[in-house]
Amino acid sequence: MRLLLDIRLSGGRNEGLDIARELAALSQPPLLVLATAFNAHALEAYELGVADYLLKLFTEQRVEQCLQRLRARRPRLQPAGPLRIAARRQKSLVFFDRDEVWAFEAAERLTRVHTAQGVFDVDLSLSAIEASFGRALARVHRNWLVNVTHIKVLKRDSETRVWVGEGLVADGRGIHVPVARERAQQLRDMLLASATGLRRKT
């Protein structure tokens, strides 16, 4: 949370500074900016941990500088879900970034992860993986979760399939993944929503 306070809220007393002292005692104080026509309280203000101290009459450039300071102190959000995948190959554990995943496949009571480095076994079900990674993966079939950023081709004829991997089918590395009939249109719409180049059919 960010808060801008004038030190003299009612014109005579330093209520803004009193509020700053109370906020500084909180376990998670907001980013606070104090504004005033006097520099007498600047030292105490910075000791209280204020993000900035604006002296009136401040310019547009000074306000922009203040905003930059606030942005710099804003906590960075961590990406949702795990960043890495732990998989098995025989007796070895293999680790790779989630962005390296092409797809997850449920097959023969196992879950397999397909990547450019090969195919590996993971211990989680598709439902658990889907819950962990959210929108980064698309459920295109009851047995398949696909990393949308690696979809290179969507083919619709007697059945719908996507080519997932690196490069196109003829010269790339990847896998064909079946798309369930009831999910095909939704997948197509999702892919087109984040792309340009085609005239949309109405």
N, C-alpha and C. Protein backbone atom coordinates (compact mmCIF):
# COMPACT_ATOMS: atom_id res chain seq x y z
N MET A 1 0.83 -1.18 0.00
CA MET A 1 0.00 0.00 0.00
C MET A 1 0.88 1.24 0.00
N ARG A 2 0.44 2.28 -0.71
CA ARG A 2 1.15 3.55 -0.76
C ARG A 2 0.27 4.64 -0.16
N LEU A 3 0.89 5.61 0.53
CA LEU A 3 0.12 6.66 1.19
C LEU A 3 0.87 7.98 1.07
N LEU A 4 0.16 9.02 0.62
CA LEU A 4 0.70 10.37 0.55
C LEU A 4 0.02 11.21 1.62
N LEU A 5 0.82 11.82 2.49
CA LEU A 5 0.27 12.62 3.59
C LEU A 5 0.91 14.00 3.62
N ASP A 6 0.07 14.99 3.85
CA ASP A 6 0.59 16.32 4.15
C ASP A 6 0.89 16.35 5.65
N ILE A 7 2.01 16.92 6.03
CA ILE A 7 2.38 16.94 7.45
C ILE A 7 1.38 17.75 8.27
N ARG A 8 0.95 18.90 7.74
CA ARG A 8 -0.03 19.72 8.47
C ARG A 8 -1.40 19.54 7.82
N LEU A 9 -2.14 18.57 8.30
CA LEU A 9 -3.43 18.25 7.69
C LEU A 9 -4.48 19.32 7.98
N SER A 10 -4.46 19.92 9.19
CA SER A 10 -5.49 20.90 9.55
C SER A 10 -4.94 22.33 9.54
N GLY A 11 -3.73 22.50 9.07
CA GLY A 11 -3.17 23.83 8.94
C GLY A 11 -2.30 24.28 10.09
N GLY A 12 -2.46 23.72 11.27
CA GLY A 12 -1.69 24.21 12.41
C GLY A 12 -0.86 23.15 13.11
N ARG A 13 -1.36 21.92 13.15
CA ARG A 13 -0.65 20.85 13.86
C ARG A 13 0.00 19.91 12.86
N ASN A 14 0.91 19.10 13.37
CA ASN A 14 1.63 18.16 12.51
C ASN A 14 1.00 16.76 12.56
N GLU A 15 -0.31 16.68 12.27
CA GLU A 15 -1.00 15.39 12.35
C GLU A 15 -0.41 14.35 11.40
N GLY A 16 0.03 14.80 10.23
CA GLY A 16 0.61 13.86 9.26
C GLY A 16 1.84 13.18 9.81
N LEU A 17 2.66 13.92 10.53
CA LEU A 17 3.86 13.34 11.14
C LEU A 17 3.49 12.37 12.26
N ASP A 18 2.43 12.71 13.02
CA ASP A 18 1.96 11.80 14.06
C ASP A 18 1.50 10.47 13.45
N ILE A 19 0.77 10.56 12.33
CA ILE A 19 0.32 9.35 11.64
C ILE A 19 1.52 8.55 11.13
N ALA A 20 2.54 9.25 10.62
CA ALA A 20 3.73 8.57 10.12
C ALA A 20 4.42 7.78 11.24
N ARG A 21 4.45 8.35 12.45
CA ARG A 21 5.06 7.64 13.58
C ARG A 21 4.28 6.37 13.91
N GLU A 22 2.95 6.46 13.88
CA GLU A 22 2.12 5.28 14.17
C GLU A 22 2.29 4.21 13.10
N LEU A 23 2.34 4.64 11.85
CA LEU A 23 2.50 3.68 10.76
C LEU A 23 3.86 3.00 10.80
N ALA A 24 4.89 3.74 11.20
CA ALA A 24 6.25 3.18 11.25
C ALA A 24 6.35 2.05 12.26
N ALA A 25 5.45 2.04 13.26
CA ALA A 25 5.48 0.99 14.28
C ALA A 25 4.81 -0.30 13.82
N LEU A 26 4.12 -0.27 12.68
CA LEU A 26 3.45 -1.47 12.19
C LEU A 26 4.45 -2.49 11.68
N SER A 27 4.06 -3.78 11.71
CA SER A 27 4.95 -4.83 11.22
C SER A 27 5.17 -4.72 9.71
N GLN A 28 4.15 -4.26 8.99
CA GLN A 28 4.27 -4.06 7.55
C GLN A 28 3.74 -2.66 7.19
N PRO A 29 4.53 -1.65 7.44
CA PRO A 29 4.07 -0.27 7.17
C PRO A 29 3.93 -0.03 5.67
N PRO A 30 3.02 0.86 5.28
CA PRO A 30 2.88 1.19 3.86
C PRO A 30 4.05 2.05 3.38
N LEU A 31 4.19 2.14 2.06
CA LEU A 31 5.15 3.09 1.51
C LEU A 31 4.55 4.48 1.69
N LEU A 32 5.24 5.31 2.43
CA LEU A 32 4.69 6.60 2.82
C LEU A 32 5.50 7.74 2.22
N VAL A 33 4.78 8.71 1.68
CA VAL A 33 5.38 9.94 1.18
C VAL A 33 4.79 11.09 1.98
N LEU A 34 5.66 11.93 2.52
CA LEU A 34 5.22 13.11 3.27
C LEU A 34 5.42 14.35 2.42
N ALA A 35 4.43 15.22 2.43
CA ALA A 35 4.50 16.48 1.68
C ALA A 35 4.36 17.64 2.66
N THR A 36 5.15 18.67 2.46
CA THR A 36 5.10 19.82 3.36
C THR A 36 5.80 21.01 2.71
N ALA A 37 5.52 22.18 3.25
CA ALA A 37 6.20 23.39 2.78
C ALA A 37 7.46 23.66 3.60
N PHE A 38 7.74 22.81 4.60
CA PHE A 38 8.87 23.05 5.50
C PHE A 38 9.81 21.85 5.49
N ASN A 39 11.10 22.12 5.58
CA ASN A 39 12.07 21.02 5.59
C ASN A 39 12.51 20.64 7.01
N ALA A 40 11.88 21.23 8.01
CA ALA A 40 12.30 21.02 9.40
C ALA A 40 12.15 19.57 9.86
N HIS A 41 11.22 18.84 9.25
CA HIS A 41 10.95 17.48 9.73
C HIS A 41 11.56 16.41 8.82
N ALA A 42 12.38 16.81 7.88
CA ALA A 42 12.92 15.85 6.90
C ALA A 42 13.74 14.75 7.58
N LEU A 43 14.61 15.11 8.52
CA LEU A 43 15.47 14.12 9.18
C LEU A 43 14.64 13.07 9.90
N GLU A 44 13.65 13.53 10.70
CA GLU A 44 12.82 12.57 11.42
C GLU A 44 12.02 11.71 10.45
N ALA A 45 11.54 12.32 9.37
CA ALA A 45 10.76 11.58 8.39
C ALA A 45 11.55 10.42 7.82
N TYR A 46 12.79 10.67 7.44
CA TYR A 46 13.60 9.59 6.87
C TYR A 46 14.00 8.56 7.92
N GLU A 47 14.16 9.00 9.17
CA GLU A 47 14.41 8.04 10.26
C GLU A 47 13.21 7.12 10.46
N LEU A 48 12.01 7.64 10.17
CA LEU A 48 10.80 6.81 10.27
C LEU A 48 10.64 5.87 9.07
N GLY A 49 11.50 6.05 8.07
CA GLY A 49 11.46 5.15 6.92
C GLY A 49 10.55 5.57 5.79
N VAL A 50 10.21 6.87 5.71
CA VAL A 50 9.34 7.30 4.62
C VAL A 50 10.05 7.08 3.29
N ALA A 51 9.26 6.84 2.25
CA ALA A 51 9.83 6.59 0.93
C ALA A 51 10.34 7.88 0.30
N ASP A 52 9.67 9.00 0.60
CA ASP A 52 10.12 10.28 0.04
C ASP A 52 9.53 11.42 0.86
N TYR A 53 10.12 12.61 0.67
CA TYR A 53 9.72 13.82 1.41
C TYR A 53 9.62 14.93 0.38
N LEU A 54 8.40 15.32 0.06
CA LEU A 54 8.16 16.31 -0.99
C LEU A 54 8.01 17.70 -0.40
N LEU A 55 8.84 18.61 -0.87
CA LEU A 55 8.75 20.00 -0.44
C LEU A 55 7.91 20.80 -1.43
N LYS A 56 6.91 21.49 -0.92
CA LYS A 56 6.08 22.33 -1.78
C LYS A 56 6.85 23.61 -2.13
N LEU A 57 6.62 24.19 -3.24
CA LEU A 57 5.78 23.72 -4.34
C LEU A 57 6.61 22.78 -5.20
N PHE A 58 6.19 21.52 -5.30
CA PHE A 58 6.98 20.55 -6.05
C PHE A 58 6.55 20.54 -7.52
N THR A 59 7.52 20.22 -8.36
CA THR A 59 7.30 20.23 -9.80
C THR A 59 6.84 18.86 -10.27
N GLU A 60 6.36 18.83 -11.50
CA GLU A 60 5.96 17.56 -12.11
C GLU A 60 7.14 16.60 -12.18
N GLN A 61 8.33 17.14 -12.46
CA GLN A 61 9.53 16.31 -12.53
C GLN A 61 9.85 15.70 -11.17
N ARG A 62 9.66 16.49 -10.10
CA ARG A 62 9.93 15.98 -8.75
C ARG A 62 8.94 14.88 -8.38
N VAL A 63 7.68 15.03 -8.79
CA VAL A 63 6.67 14.00 -8.51
C VAL A 63 7.02 12.71 -9.26
N GLU A 64 7.48 12.82 -10.50
CA GLU A 64 7.86 11.65 -11.27
C GLU A 64 9.04 10.94 -10.61
N GLN A 65 9.98 11.71 -10.06
CA GLN A 65 11.11 11.13 -9.34
C GLN A 65 10.61 10.36 -8.12
N CYS A 66 9.63 10.93 -7.43
CA CYS A 66 9.03 10.25 -6.28
C CYS A 66 8.39 8.93 -6.68
N LEU A 67 7.65 8.94 -7.79
CA LEU A 67 6.99 7.72 -8.26
C LEU A 67 8.01 6.65 -8.62
N GLN A 68 9.13 7.07 -9.18
CA GLN A 68 10.18 6.10 -9.51
C GLN A 68 10.74 5.45 -8.25
N ARG A 69 10.88 6.24 -7.20
CA ARG A 69 11.36 5.68 -5.93
C ARG A 69 10.37 4.67 -5.37
N LEU A 70 9.08 4.97 -5.48
CA LEU A 70 8.06 4.05 -5.00
C LEU A 70 8.08 2.75 -5.80
N ARG A 71 8.23 2.87 -7.12
CA ARG A 71 8.29 1.65 -7.95
C ARG A 71 9.50 0.80 -7.60
N ALA A 72 10.62 1.45 -7.31
CA ALA A 72 11.84 0.72 -6.99
C ALA A 72 11.70 -0.05 -5.68
N ARG A 73 10.89 0.48 -4.75
CA ARG A 73 10.72 -0.17 -3.45
C ARG A 73 9.55 -1.13 -3.40
N ARG A 74 8.80 -1.22 -4.51
CA ARG A 74 7.65 -2.12 -4.55
C ARG A 74 8.14 -3.56 -4.53
N PRO A 75 7.59 -4.42 -3.68
CA PRO A 75 8.03 -5.82 -3.65
C PRO A 75 7.71 -6.52 -4.96
N ARG A 76 8.63 -7.30 -5.42
CA ARG A 76 8.43 -8.03 -6.67
C ARG A 76 7.65 -9.31 -6.41
N LEU A 77 6.62 -9.48 -7.20
CA LEU A 77 5.79 -10.67 -7.04
C LEU A 77 6.50 -11.88 -7.62
N GLN A 78 6.47 -12.97 -6.89
CA GLN A 78 7.03 -14.21 -7.40
C GLN A 78 6.04 -14.89 -8.34
N PRO A 79 6.55 -15.52 -9.41
CA PRO A 79 5.64 -16.22 -10.32
C PRO A 79 4.84 -17.28 -9.57
N ALA A 80 3.58 -17.41 -9.95
CA ALA A 80 2.72 -18.40 -9.30
C ALA A 80 3.19 -19.79 -9.66
N GLY A 81 3.13 -20.69 -8.69
CA GLY A 81 3.47 -22.08 -8.95
C GLY A 81 4.97 -22.33 -8.87
N PRO A 82 5.34 -23.61 -8.89
CA PRO A 82 6.76 -23.96 -8.82
C PRO A 82 7.51 -23.51 -10.06
N LEU A 83 8.79 -23.22 -9.89
CA LEU A 83 9.62 -22.76 -11.00
C LEU A 83 10.29 -23.91 -11.73
N ARG A 84 10.49 -25.02 -11.04
CA ARG A 84 11.20 -26.15 -11.64
C ARG A 84 10.42 -27.43 -11.48
N ILE A 85 10.72 -28.38 -12.33
CA ILE A 85 10.09 -29.69 -12.29
C ILE A 85 11.15 -30.72 -11.95
N ALA A 86 10.83 -31.59 -11.02
CA ALA A 86 11.69 -32.72 -10.69
C ALA A 86 11.08 -33.96 -11.32
N ALA A 87 11.86 -34.66 -12.12
CA ALA A 87 11.38 -35.85 -12.81
C ALA A 87 12.36 -37.00 -12.59
N ARG A 88 11.94 -38.18 -13.05
CA ARG A 88 12.78 -39.37 -12.87
C ARG A 88 13.15 -39.96 -14.22
N ARG A 89 14.36 -40.44 -14.30
CA ARG A 89 14.78 -41.30 -15.40
C ARG A 89 15.61 -42.41 -14.78
N GLN A 90 15.01 -43.60 -14.75
CA GLN A 90 15.60 -44.74 -14.06
C GLN A 90 15.91 -44.36 -12.61
N LYS A 91 17.17 -44.40 -12.19
CA LYS A 91 17.50 -44.10 -10.80
C LYS A 91 17.97 -42.66 -10.59
N SER A 92 17.85 -41.86 -11.63
CA SER A 92 18.32 -40.48 -11.54
C SER A 92 17.16 -39.51 -11.40
N LEU A 93 17.40 -38.40 -10.70
CA LEU A 93 16.47 -37.29 -10.65
C LEU A 93 16.95 -36.24 -11.64
N VAL A 94 16.02 -35.70 -12.41
CA VAL A 94 16.34 -34.71 -13.42
C VAL A 94 15.54 -33.45 -13.12
N PHE A 95 16.18 -32.28 -13.22
CA PHE A 95 15.52 -31.01 -12.92
C PHE A 95 15.61 -30.11 -14.14
N PHE A 96 14.52 -29.42 -14.43
CA PHE A 96 14.52 -28.45 -15.51
C PHE A 96 13.46 -27.39 -15.25
N ASP A 97 13.60 -26.26 -15.91
CA ASP A 97 12.67 -25.15 -15.72
C ASP A 97 11.30 -25.48 -16.32
N ARG A 98 10.26 -24.92 -15.74
CA ARG A 98 8.93 -25.20 -16.24
C ARG A 98 8.72 -24.70 -17.66
N ASP A 99 9.47 -23.66 -18.06
CA ASP A 99 9.35 -23.15 -19.43
C ASP A 99 9.89 -24.13 -20.46
N GLU A 100 10.68 -25.11 -20.01
CA GLU A 100 11.22 -26.11 -20.93
C GLU A 100 10.20 -27.21 -21.25
N VAL A 101 9.13 -27.26 -20.51
CA VAL A 101 8.13 -28.33 -20.70
C VAL A 101 7.36 -28.11 -21.99
N TRP A 102 7.24 -29.16 -22.79
CA TRP A 102 6.36 -29.12 -23.95
C TRP A 102 4.95 -29.56 -23.55
N ALA A 103 4.89 -30.71 -22.84
CA ALA A 103 3.58 -31.25 -22.48
C ALA A 103 3.73 -32.29 -21.38
N PHE A 104 2.63 -32.53 -20.68
CA PHE A 104 2.52 -33.63 -19.74
C PHE A 104 1.51 -34.63 -20.30
N GLU A 105 1.82 -35.91 -20.16
CA GLU A 105 0.96 -36.96 -20.71
C GLU A 105 0.66 -38.00 -19.64
N ALA A 106 -0.60 -38.36 -19.49
CA ALA A 106 -0.99 -39.46 -18.61
C ALA A 106 -1.06 -40.72 -19.47
N ALA A 107 -0.27 -41.73 -19.12
CA ALA A 107 -0.23 -42.96 -19.91
C ALA A 107 0.18 -44.13 -19.04
N GLU A 108 -0.60 -45.20 -19.11
CA GLU A 108 -0.26 -46.45 -18.42
C GLU A 108 0.01 -46.23 -16.93
N ARG A 109 -0.90 -45.52 -16.28
CA ARG A 109 -0.81 -45.24 -14.85
C ARG A 109 0.41 -44.41 -14.46
N LEU A 110 1.05 -43.81 -15.44
CA LEU A 110 2.19 -42.94 -15.19
C LEU A 110 1.89 -41.56 -15.76
N THR A 111 2.65 -40.59 -15.30
CA THR A 111 2.61 -39.27 -15.93
C THR A 111 3.98 -39.01 -16.50
N ARG A 112 4.01 -38.62 -17.76
CA ARG A 112 5.27 -38.34 -18.42
C ARG A 112 5.35 -36.87 -18.78
N VAL A 113 6.55 -36.32 -18.70
CA VAL A 113 6.77 -34.95 -19.12
C VAL A 113 7.64 -34.98 -20.37
N HIS A 114 7.18 -34.27 -21.40
CA HIS A 114 7.90 -34.21 -22.67
C HIS A 114 8.66 -32.88 -22.73
N THR A 115 9.95 -32.95 -23.00
CA THR A 115 10.79 -31.76 -23.11
C THR A 115 11.77 -31.94 -24.27
N ALA A 116 12.51 -30.88 -24.57
CA ALA A 116 13.54 -30.98 -25.60
C ALA A 116 14.65 -31.94 -25.19
N GLN A 117 14.79 -32.17 -23.87
CA GLN A 117 15.83 -33.08 -23.38
C GLN A 117 15.38 -34.54 -23.37
N GLY A 118 14.11 -34.78 -23.65
CA GLY A 118 13.61 -36.15 -23.66
C GLY A 118 12.31 -36.29 -22.89
N VAL A 119 11.95 -37.52 -22.61
CA VAL A 119 10.71 -37.84 -21.91
C VAL A 119 11.08 -38.43 -20.55
N PHE A 120 10.42 -37.92 -19.50
CA PHE A 120 10.74 -38.34 -18.14
C PHE A 120 9.45 -38.64 -17.39
N ASP A 121 9.59 -39.37 -16.29
CA ASP A 121 8.44 -39.71 -15.45
C ASP A 121 8.34 -38.73 -14.29
N VAL A 122 7.12 -38.34 -13.96
CA VAL A 122 6.87 -37.53 -12.77
C VAL A 122 5.85 -38.24 -11.90
N ASP A 123 5.85 -37.91 -10.62
CA ASP A 123 5.01 -38.63 -9.67
C ASP A 123 3.61 -38.05 -9.51
N LEU A 124 3.35 -36.88 -10.06
CA LEU A 124 2.07 -36.22 -9.87
C LEU A 124 1.07 -36.58 -10.95
N SER A 125 -0.21 -36.50 -10.61
CA SER A 125 -1.26 -36.70 -11.61
C SER A 125 -1.40 -35.45 -12.46
N LEU A 126 -2.08 -35.57 -13.59
CA LEU A 126 -2.31 -34.39 -14.43
C LEU A 126 -3.11 -33.33 -13.69
N SER A 127 -4.07 -33.75 -12.88
CA SER A 127 -4.89 -32.79 -12.14
C SER A 127 -4.04 -32.00 -11.15
N ALA A 128 -3.10 -32.66 -10.48
CA ALA A 128 -2.22 -31.97 -9.53
C ALA A 128 -1.29 -31.01 -10.25
N ILE A 129 -0.78 -31.43 -11.41
CA ILE A 129 0.10 -30.57 -12.20
C ILE A 129 -0.67 -29.34 -12.70
N GLU A 130 -1.89 -29.57 -13.17
CA GLU A 130 -2.73 -28.47 -13.66
C GLU A 130 -3.00 -27.47 -12.56
N ALA A 131 -3.25 -27.95 -11.35
CA ALA A 131 -3.51 -27.06 -10.22
C ALA A 131 -2.27 -26.25 -9.85
N SER A 132 -1.08 -26.84 -10.02
CA SER A 132 0.16 -26.17 -9.66
C SER A 132 0.55 -25.08 -10.65
N PHE A 133 0.33 -25.33 -11.94
CA PHE A 133 0.82 -24.42 -12.97
C PHE A 133 -0.24 -23.49 -13.53
N GLY A 134 -1.51 -23.76 -13.26
CA GLY A 134 -2.57 -22.85 -13.68
C GLY A 134 -2.62 -22.62 -15.17
N ARG A 135 -2.67 -21.33 -15.56
CA ARG A 135 -2.90 -20.97 -16.96
C ARG A 135 -1.69 -21.19 -17.85
N ALA A 136 -0.54 -21.51 -17.28
CA ALA A 136 0.63 -21.77 -18.11
C ALA A 136 0.43 -23.01 -18.97
N LEU A 137 -0.45 -23.89 -18.53
CA LEU A 137 -0.74 -25.12 -19.26
C LEU A 137 -2.20 -25.16 -19.68
N ALA A 138 -2.46 -25.79 -20.82
CA ALA A 138 -3.83 -25.94 -21.30
C ALA A 138 -4.19 -27.42 -21.35
N ARG A 139 -5.33 -27.76 -20.80
CA ARG A 139 -5.82 -29.14 -20.89
C ARG A 139 -6.49 -29.29 -22.25
N VAL A 140 -5.84 -30.00 -23.15
CA VAL A 140 -6.37 -30.18 -24.50
C VAL A 140 -7.03 -31.54 -24.69
N HIS A 141 -6.81 -32.43 -23.74
CA HIS A 141 -7.33 -33.80 -23.82
C HIS A 141 -7.30 -34.35 -22.41
N ARG A 142 -8.10 -35.34 -22.13
CA ARG A 142 -8.10 -35.88 -20.76
C ARG A 142 -6.73 -36.43 -20.37
N ASN A 143 -5.92 -36.81 -21.36
CA ASN A 143 -4.60 -37.37 -21.09
C ASN A 143 -3.44 -36.42 -21.37
N TRP A 144 -3.76 -35.15 -21.70
CA TRP A 144 -2.69 -34.25 -22.11
C TRP A 144 -2.86 -32.84 -21.54
N LEU A 145 -1.76 -32.32 -21.02
CA LEU A 145 -1.62 -30.90 -20.67
C LEU A 145 -0.50 -30.34 -21.54
N VAL A 146 -0.74 -29.19 -22.15
CA VAL A 146 0.23 -28.65 -23.11
C VAL A 146 0.67 -27.26 -22.67
N ASN A 147 1.96 -26.98 -22.82
CA ASN A 147 2.49 -25.64 -22.61
C ASN A 147 2.16 -24.82 -23.85
N VAL A 148 1.27 -23.87 -23.70
CA VAL A 148 0.73 -23.12 -24.84
C VAL A 148 1.84 -22.40 -25.61
N THR A 149 2.86 -21.94 -24.93
CA THR A 149 3.92 -21.18 -25.61
C THR A 149 4.72 -22.05 -26.57
N HIS A 150 4.60 -23.36 -26.47
CA HIS A 150 5.35 -24.26 -27.36
C HIS A 150 4.47 -24.84 -28.47
N ILE A 151 3.22 -24.43 -28.56
CA ILE A 151 2.37 -24.90 -29.65
C ILE A 151 2.79 -24.17 -30.93
N LYS A 152 3.18 -24.94 -31.94
CA LYS A 152 3.62 -24.35 -33.21
C LYS A 152 2.61 -24.55 -34.34
N VAL A 153 1.80 -25.61 -34.29
CA VAL A 153 0.84 -25.90 -35.36
C VAL A 153 -0.45 -26.43 -34.74
N LEU A 154 -1.57 -25.91 -35.24
CA LEU A 154 -2.89 -26.44 -34.90
C LEU A 154 -3.50 -26.97 -36.19
N LYS A 155 -3.78 -28.25 -36.23
CA LYS A 155 -4.30 -28.88 -37.44
C LYS A 155 -5.67 -29.47 -37.16
N ARG A 156 -6.65 -29.05 -37.99
CA ARG A 156 -8.02 -29.52 -37.81
C ARG A 156 -8.49 -30.18 -39.11
N ASP A 157 -8.69 -31.49 -39.08
CA ASP A 157 -9.31 -32.21 -40.20
C ASP A 157 -10.25 -33.25 -39.60
N SER A 158 -10.01 -34.52 -39.87
CA SER A 158 -10.87 -35.54 -39.25
C SER A 158 -10.71 -35.56 -37.74
N GLU A 159 -9.55 -35.18 -37.27
CA GLU A 159 -9.30 -34.99 -35.84
C GLU A 159 -8.41 -33.77 -35.66
N THR A 160 -8.47 -33.17 -34.49
CA THR A 160 -7.66 -31.99 -34.22
C THR A 160 -6.42 -32.41 -33.46
N ARG A 161 -5.28 -31.86 -33.92
CA ARG A 161 -4.02 -32.13 -33.25
C ARG A 161 -3.20 -30.84 -33.19
N VAL A 162 -2.30 -30.78 -32.23
CA VAL A 162 -1.33 -29.70 -32.18
C VAL A 162 0.07 -30.28 -32.23
N TRP A 163 0.95 -29.53 -32.86
CA TRP A 163 2.38 -29.87 -32.85
C TRP A 163 3.03 -28.99 -31.79
N VAL A 164 3.65 -29.65 -30.82
CA VAL A 164 4.24 -28.95 -29.69
C VAL A 164 5.73 -29.24 -29.66
N GLY A 165 6.53 -28.18 -29.61
CA GLY A 165 7.97 -28.40 -29.55
C GLY A 165 8.75 -27.26 -30.13
N GLU A 166 9.81 -27.59 -30.84
CA GLU A 166 10.69 -26.59 -31.44
C GLU A 166 10.61 -26.71 -32.96
N GLY A 167 10.28 -25.63 -33.62
CA GLY A 167 10.19 -25.66 -35.07
C GLY A 167 8.90 -26.30 -35.55
N LEU A 168 8.74 -26.39 -36.88
CA LEU A 168 7.55 -26.97 -37.47
C LEU A 168 7.72 -28.47 -37.68
N VAL A 169 6.66 -29.10 -38.14
CA VAL A 169 6.63 -30.55 -38.19
C VAL A 169 7.75 -31.11 -39.06
N ALA A 170 7.97 -30.52 -40.22
CA ALA A 170 8.91 -31.08 -41.19
C ALA A 170 10.35 -31.07 -40.69
N ASP A 171 10.75 -29.98 -40.03
CA ASP A 171 12.16 -29.84 -39.68
C ASP A 171 12.42 -29.60 -38.20
N GLY A 172 11.41 -29.72 -37.38
CA GLY A 172 11.57 -29.43 -35.96
C GLY A 172 11.59 -30.67 -35.10
N ARG A 173 11.74 -30.45 -33.80
CA ARG A 173 11.66 -31.53 -32.82
C ARG A 173 10.43 -31.28 -31.96
N GLY A 174 9.62 -32.29 -31.79
CA GLY A 174 8.42 -32.11 -30.99
C GLY A 174 7.54 -33.34 -31.03
N ILE A 175 6.29 -33.14 -30.64
CA ILE A 175 5.33 -34.25 -30.59
C ILE A 175 3.97 -33.77 -31.08
N HIS A 176 3.23 -34.71 -31.67
CA HIS A 176 1.84 -34.45 -32.00
C HIS A 176 0.99 -34.80 -30.78
N VAL A 177 0.10 -33.88 -30.43
CA VAL A 177 -0.78 -34.09 -29.27
C VAL A 177 -2.23 -34.02 -29.74
N PRO A 178 -3.04 -35.03 -29.42
CA PRO A 178 -4.45 -34.99 -29.81
C PRO A 178 -5.22 -33.96 -29.00
N VAL A 179 -6.20 -33.34 -29.63
CA VAL A 179 -7.07 -32.37 -28.97
C VAL A 179 -8.49 -32.93 -28.96
N ALA A 180 -9.09 -33.00 -27.81
CA ALA A 180 -10.46 -33.50 -27.70
C ALA A 180 -11.42 -32.60 -28.48
N ARG A 181 -12.41 -33.21 -29.10
CA ARG A 181 -13.34 -32.46 -29.95
C ARG A 181 -13.99 -31.31 -29.19
N GLU A 182 -14.37 -31.54 -27.94
CA GLU A 182 -15.07 -30.49 -27.18
C GLU A 182 -14.13 -29.38 -26.72
N ARG A 183 -12.82 -29.56 -26.88
CA ARG A 183 -11.86 -28.54 -26.46
C ARG A 183 -11.22 -27.81 -27.64
N ALA A 184 -11.48 -28.27 -28.86
CA ALA A 184 -10.78 -27.75 -30.03
C ALA A 184 -11.07 -26.27 -30.27
N GLN A 185 -12.32 -25.87 -30.24
CA GLN A 185 -12.67 -24.48 -30.53
C GLN A 185 -12.14 -23.54 -29.45
N GLN A 186 -12.23 -23.97 -28.22
CA GLN A 186 -11.71 -23.15 -27.11
C GLN A 186 -10.20 -22.95 -27.24
N LEU A 187 -9.50 -24.01 -27.62
CA LEU A 187 -8.05 -23.90 -27.79
C LEU A 187 -7.72 -22.96 -28.94
N ARG A 188 -8.44 -23.10 -30.05
CA ARG A 188 -8.21 -22.23 -31.21
C ARG A 188 -8.42 -20.76 -30.82
N ASP A 189 -9.51 -20.49 -30.12
CA ASP A 189 -9.80 -19.11 -29.71
C ASP A 189 -8.72 -18.56 -28.79
N MET A 190 -8.22 -19.40 -27.90
CA MET A 190 -7.19 -18.98 -26.96
C MET A 190 -5.89 -18.65 -27.70
N LEU A 191 -5.53 -19.47 -28.66
CA LEU A 191 -4.31 -19.23 -29.42
C LEU A 191 -4.41 -17.96 -30.25
N LEU A 192 -5.56 -17.73 -30.86
CA LEU A 192 -5.75 -16.54 -31.69
C LEU A 192 -5.85 -15.26 -30.85
N ALA A 193 -6.32 -15.40 -29.62
CA ALA A 193 -6.47 -14.23 -28.76
C ALA A 193 -5.13 -13.57 -28.45
N SER A 194 -4.06 -14.36 -28.45
CA SER A 194 -2.73 -13.82 -28.14
C SER A 194 -1.85 -13.73 -29.38
N ALA A 195 -2.48 -13.70 -30.55
CA ALA A 195 -1.73 -13.63 -31.81
C ALA A 195 -2.39 -12.65 -32.75
N THR A 196 -1.65 -12.24 -33.78
CA THR A 196 -2.19 -11.37 -34.81
C THR A 196 -1.76 -11.90 -36.17
N GLY A 197 -2.49 -11.49 -37.22
CA GLY A 197 -2.12 -11.92 -38.57
C GLY A 197 -3.27 -12.51 -39.36
N LEU A 198 -4.35 -12.92 -38.68
CA LEU A 198 -5.48 -13.52 -39.35
C LEU A 198 -6.72 -12.66 -39.14
N ARG A 199 -7.56 -12.65 -40.16
CA ARG A 199 -8.86 -11.98 -40.04
C ARG A 199 -9.79 -12.92 -39.28
N ARG A 200 -10.41 -12.41 -38.24
CA ARG A 200 -11.31 -13.23 -37.43
C ARG A 200 -12.62 -13.47 -38.14
N LYS A 201 -13.11 -14.68 -38.06
CA LYS A 201 -14.43 -15.00 -38.63
C LYS A 201 -15.51 -14.57 -37.64
N THR A 202 -16.56 -14.02 -38.16
CA THR A 202 -17.66 -13.57 -37.29
C THR A 202 -18.81 -14.54 -37.40
